Amino acid sequence: MKQSRIIIDPNVHFGKPCITGTRIPVYAVLELVQAGIPFSEIVSKYYLDLTFDDVAACVQYALDLIKAEEVHLVGAIA
């Protein structure tokens, strides 16, 4: 089984999800993605220790969280 690229360690960034083997939090990478910075630029100018696949793993992590989120609607929807 392939090791996950995202790790949650209570001793690193207070348990915030980070890229495995680094102290780079997932949210920091996602902020760059949200700003429209290409993956290739993120790994060549911002986080030289990351790979394209690491950045893609951050996006996938966020997608997985949203997919797993439970939504509880109260009352009727108009």
N, C-alpha and C. Protein backbone atom coordinates (compact mmCIF):
# COMPACT_ATOMS: atom_id res chain seq x y z
N MET A 1 0.84 -1.19 0.00
CA MET A 1 0.00 0.00 0.00
C MET A 1 0.88 1.25 0.00
N LYS A 2 0.56 2.19 -0.86
CA LYS A 2 1.33 3.43 -0.98
C LYS A 2 1.09 4.32 0.24
N GLN A 3 2.17 4.88 0.77
CA GLN A 3 2.05 5.77 1.92
C GLN A 3 1.33 7.04 1.50
N SER A 4 0.46 7.50 2.37
CA SER A 4 -0.28 8.73 2.10
C SER A 4 0.67 9.92 2.02
N ARG A 5 0.37 10.84 1.15
CA ARG A 5 1.17 12.06 1.02
C ARG A 5 0.78 13.10 2.06
N ILE A 6 -0.35 12.86 2.74
CA ILE A 6 -0.83 13.78 3.76
C ILE A 6 -0.79 13.07 5.11
N ILE A 7 -0.27 13.76 6.12
CA ILE A 7 -0.18 13.17 7.45
C ILE A 7 -0.75 14.16 8.46
N ILE A 8 -1.36 13.59 9.49
CA ILE A 8 -1.83 14.40 10.61
C ILE A 8 -1.07 13.91 11.84
N ASP A 9 -0.24 14.79 12.38
CA ASP A 9 0.60 14.46 13.53
C ASP A 9 0.38 15.55 14.57
N PRO A 10 -0.07 15.17 15.77
CA PRO A 10 -0.33 16.19 16.79
C PRO A 10 0.90 17.01 17.17
N ASN A 11 2.08 16.53 16.82
CA ASN A 11 3.32 17.24 17.13
C ASN A 11 3.79 18.18 16.02
N VAL A 12 3.05 18.23 14.92
CA VAL A 12 3.42 19.09 13.79
C VAL A 12 2.24 20.01 13.50
N HIS A 13 2.48 21.30 13.57
CA HIS A 13 1.44 22.32 13.30
C HIS A 13 0.15 22.04 14.05
N PHE A 14 0.28 21.63 15.30
CA PHE A 14 -0.88 21.41 16.16
C PHE A 14 -1.88 20.42 15.56
N GLY A 15 -1.38 19.46 14.81
CA GLY A 15 -2.24 18.43 14.24
C GLY A 15 -2.90 18.80 12.93
N LYS A 16 -2.54 19.93 12.36
CA LYS A 16 -3.08 20.30 11.05
C LYS A 16 -2.50 19.36 10.00
N PRO A 17 -3.28 19.00 8.99
CA PRO A 17 -2.76 18.12 7.93
C PRO A 17 -1.57 18.76 7.22
N CYS A 18 -0.50 17.99 7.05
CA CYS A 18 0.71 18.45 6.38
C CYS A 18 1.15 17.44 5.33
N ILE A 19 2.01 17.89 4.41
CA ILE A 19 2.61 16.99 3.44
C ILE A 19 3.58 16.08 4.20
N THR A 20 3.46 14.78 3.97
CA THR A 20 4.33 13.81 4.64
C THR A 20 5.80 14.15 4.42
N GLY A 21 6.57 14.10 5.50
CA GLY A 21 8.00 14.38 5.43
C GLY A 21 8.36 15.85 5.46
N THR A 22 7.36 16.71 5.61
CA THR A 22 7.60 18.15 5.66
C THR A 22 6.80 18.74 6.81
N ARG A 23 6.95 20.01 7.00
CA ARG A 23 6.12 20.75 7.95
C ARG A 23 5.21 21.72 7.19
N ILE A 24 4.98 21.42 5.92
CA ILE A 24 4.17 22.28 5.06
C ILE A 24 2.71 21.88 5.21
N PRO A 25 1.88 22.80 5.74
CA PRO A 25 0.47 22.46 5.93
C PRO A 25 -0.30 22.45 4.60
N VAL A 26 -1.26 21.56 4.53
CA VAL A 26 -2.10 21.43 3.34
C VAL A 26 -2.77 22.77 3.01
N TYR A 27 -3.27 23.47 4.04
CA TYR A 27 -3.98 24.72 3.77
C TYR A 27 -3.09 25.74 3.06
N ALA A 28 -1.80 25.75 3.36
CA ALA A 28 -0.89 26.71 2.73
C ALA A 28 -0.77 26.43 1.23
N VAL A 29 -0.73 25.17 0.88
CA VAL A 29 -0.66 24.79 -0.53
C VAL A 29 -1.99 25.12 -1.22
N LEU A 30 -3.10 24.83 -0.55
CA LEU A 30 -4.42 25.10 -1.13
C LEU A 30 -4.65 26.60 -1.33
N GLU A 31 -4.09 27.43 -0.46
CA GLU A 31 -4.22 28.87 -0.66
C GLU A 31 -3.55 29.31 -1.96
N LEU A 32 -2.42 28.69 -2.29
CA LEU A 32 -1.75 29.01 -3.55
C LEU A 32 -2.56 28.52 -4.74
N VAL A 33 -3.12 27.32 -4.61
CA VAL A 33 -3.98 26.79 -5.68
C VAL A 33 -5.18 27.72 -5.88
N GLN A 34 -5.79 28.14 -4.78
CA GLN A 34 -6.95 29.02 -4.85
C GLN A 34 -6.60 30.35 -5.51
N ALA A 35 -5.38 30.80 -5.32
CA ALA A 35 -4.92 32.05 -5.93
C ALA A 35 -4.63 31.90 -7.42
N GLY A 36 -4.78 30.68 -7.94
CA GLY A 36 -4.59 30.45 -9.37
C GLY A 36 -3.15 30.19 -9.77
N ILE A 37 -2.31 29.92 -8.81
CA ILE A 37 -0.90 29.64 -9.12
C ILE A 37 -0.79 28.20 -9.63
N PRO A 38 -0.19 28.01 -10.79
CA PRO A 38 -0.06 26.66 -11.36
C PRO A 38 0.75 25.72 -10.46
N PHE A 39 0.39 24.45 -10.48
CA PHE A 39 1.10 23.45 -9.68
C PHE A 39 2.60 23.52 -9.93
N SER A 40 2.98 23.65 -11.19
CA SER A 40 4.40 23.68 -11.53
C SER A 40 5.12 24.86 -10.88
N GLU A 41 4.45 25.97 -10.75
CA GLU A 41 5.05 27.15 -10.11
C GLU A 41 5.10 26.97 -8.59
N ILE A 42 4.09 26.32 -8.03
CA ILE A 42 4.08 26.07 -6.58
C ILE A 42 5.32 25.27 -6.19
N VAL A 43 5.65 24.25 -6.99
CA VAL A 43 6.79 23.39 -6.64
C VAL A 43 8.14 23.97 -7.06
N SER A 44 8.13 24.93 -7.98
CA SER A 44 9.41 25.49 -8.43
C SER A 44 9.75 26.82 -7.78
N LYS A 45 8.74 27.54 -7.25
CA LYS A 45 9.01 28.86 -6.68
C LYS A 45 8.64 28.99 -5.20
N TYR A 46 7.67 28.23 -4.74
CA TYR A 46 7.18 28.39 -3.38
C TYR A 46 7.64 27.27 -2.44
N TYR A 47 7.47 26.04 -2.88
CA TYR A 47 7.80 24.88 -2.03
C TYR A 47 8.66 23.91 -2.82
N LEU A 48 9.95 24.14 -2.80
CA LEU A 48 10.88 23.34 -3.60
C LEU A 48 10.95 21.89 -3.13
N ASP A 49 10.53 21.63 -1.89
CA ASP A 49 10.55 20.26 -1.37
C ASP A 49 9.36 19.44 -1.82
N LEU A 50 8.39 20.06 -2.47
CA LEU A 50 7.19 19.35 -2.91
C LEU A 50 7.29 18.93 -4.36
N THR A 51 6.45 17.97 -4.72
CA THR A 51 6.32 17.54 -6.11
C THR A 51 4.92 17.93 -6.61
N PHE A 52 4.75 17.84 -7.88
CA PHE A 52 3.44 18.07 -8.50
C PHE A 52 2.41 17.16 -7.83
N ASP A 53 2.78 15.90 -7.59
CA ASP A 53 1.87 14.94 -6.96
C ASP A 53 1.50 15.33 -5.53
N ASP A 54 2.42 15.98 -4.81
CA ASP A 54 2.11 16.46 -3.47
C ASP A 54 1.02 17.53 -3.53
N VAL A 55 1.13 18.44 -4.47
CA VAL A 55 0.13 19.49 -4.62
C VAL A 55 -1.22 18.88 -5.00
N ALA A 56 -1.19 17.94 -5.93
CA ALA A 56 -2.42 17.26 -6.32
C ALA A 56 -3.04 16.52 -5.13
N ALA A 57 -2.21 15.96 -4.26
CA ALA A 57 -2.70 15.26 -3.07
C ALA A 57 -3.41 16.22 -2.12
N CYS A 58 -2.95 17.45 -2.04
CA CYS A 58 -3.61 18.45 -1.21
C CYS A 58 -5.02 18.73 -1.73
N VAL A 59 -5.13 18.88 -3.03
CA VAL A 59 -6.44 19.12 -3.64
C VAL A 59 -7.34 17.90 -3.41
N GLN A 60 -6.80 16.71 -3.61
CA GLN A 60 -7.59 15.50 -3.40
C GLN A 60 -8.03 15.37 -1.95
N TYR A 61 -7.16 15.74 -1.02
CA TYR A 61 -7.49 15.69 0.40
C TYR A 61 -8.70 16.59 0.68
N ALA A 62 -8.69 17.80 0.14
CA ALA A 62 -9.80 18.73 0.34
C ALA A 62 -11.08 18.17 -0.28
N LEU A 63 -10.98 17.60 -1.46
CA LEU A 63 -12.15 16.99 -2.10
C LEU A 63 -12.71 15.85 -1.27
N ASP A 64 -11.83 15.01 -0.76
CA ASP A 64 -12.26 13.88 0.06
C ASP A 64 -12.99 14.35 1.32
N LEU A 65 -12.50 15.43 1.93
CA LEU A 65 -13.16 15.97 3.12
C LEU A 65 -14.57 16.45 2.79
N ILE A 66 -14.70 17.14 1.67
CA ILE A 66 -16.01 17.66 1.28
C ILE A 66 -16.96 16.51 0.94
N LYS A 67 -16.46 15.50 0.25
CA LYS A 67 -17.30 14.35 -0.09
C LYS A 67 -17.79 13.62 1.15
N ALA A 68 -16.96 13.57 2.19
CA ALA A 68 -17.31 12.84 3.41
C ALA A 68 -18.15 13.67 4.37
N GLU A 69 -18.26 14.96 4.10
CA GLU A 69 -19.00 15.85 4.99
C GLU A 69 -20.48 15.49 5.01
N GLU A 70 -21.05 15.44 6.20
CA GLU A 70 -22.47 15.17 6.34
C GLU A 70 -23.20 16.50 6.48
N VAL A 71 -24.28 16.62 5.75
CA VAL A 71 -25.09 17.82 5.80
C VAL A 71 -26.45 17.45 6.39
N HIS A 72 -26.84 18.15 7.43
CA HIS A 72 -28.12 17.88 8.09
C HIS A 72 -29.02 19.10 7.90
N LEU A 73 -30.03 18.91 7.08
CA LEU A 73 -30.96 20.01 6.80
C LEU A 73 -32.09 19.99 7.81
N VAL A 74 -32.44 21.14 8.29
CA VAL A 74 -33.52 21.27 9.26
C VAL A 74 -34.63 22.07 8.60
N GLY A 75 -35.85 21.54 8.65
CA GLY A 75 -36.98 22.23 8.09
C GLY A 75 -37.10 22.02 6.59
N ALA A 76 -38.14 22.59 6.03
CA ALA A 76 -38.42 22.44 4.61
C ALA A 76 -37.58 23.42 3.80
N ILE A 77 -37.24 23.01 2.61
CA ILE A 77 -36.50 23.86 1.68
C ILE A 77 -37.51 24.47 0.72
N ALA A 78 -37.46 25.77 0.59
CA ALA A 78 -38.43 26.47 -0.28
C ALA A 78 -37.97 26.45 -1.70
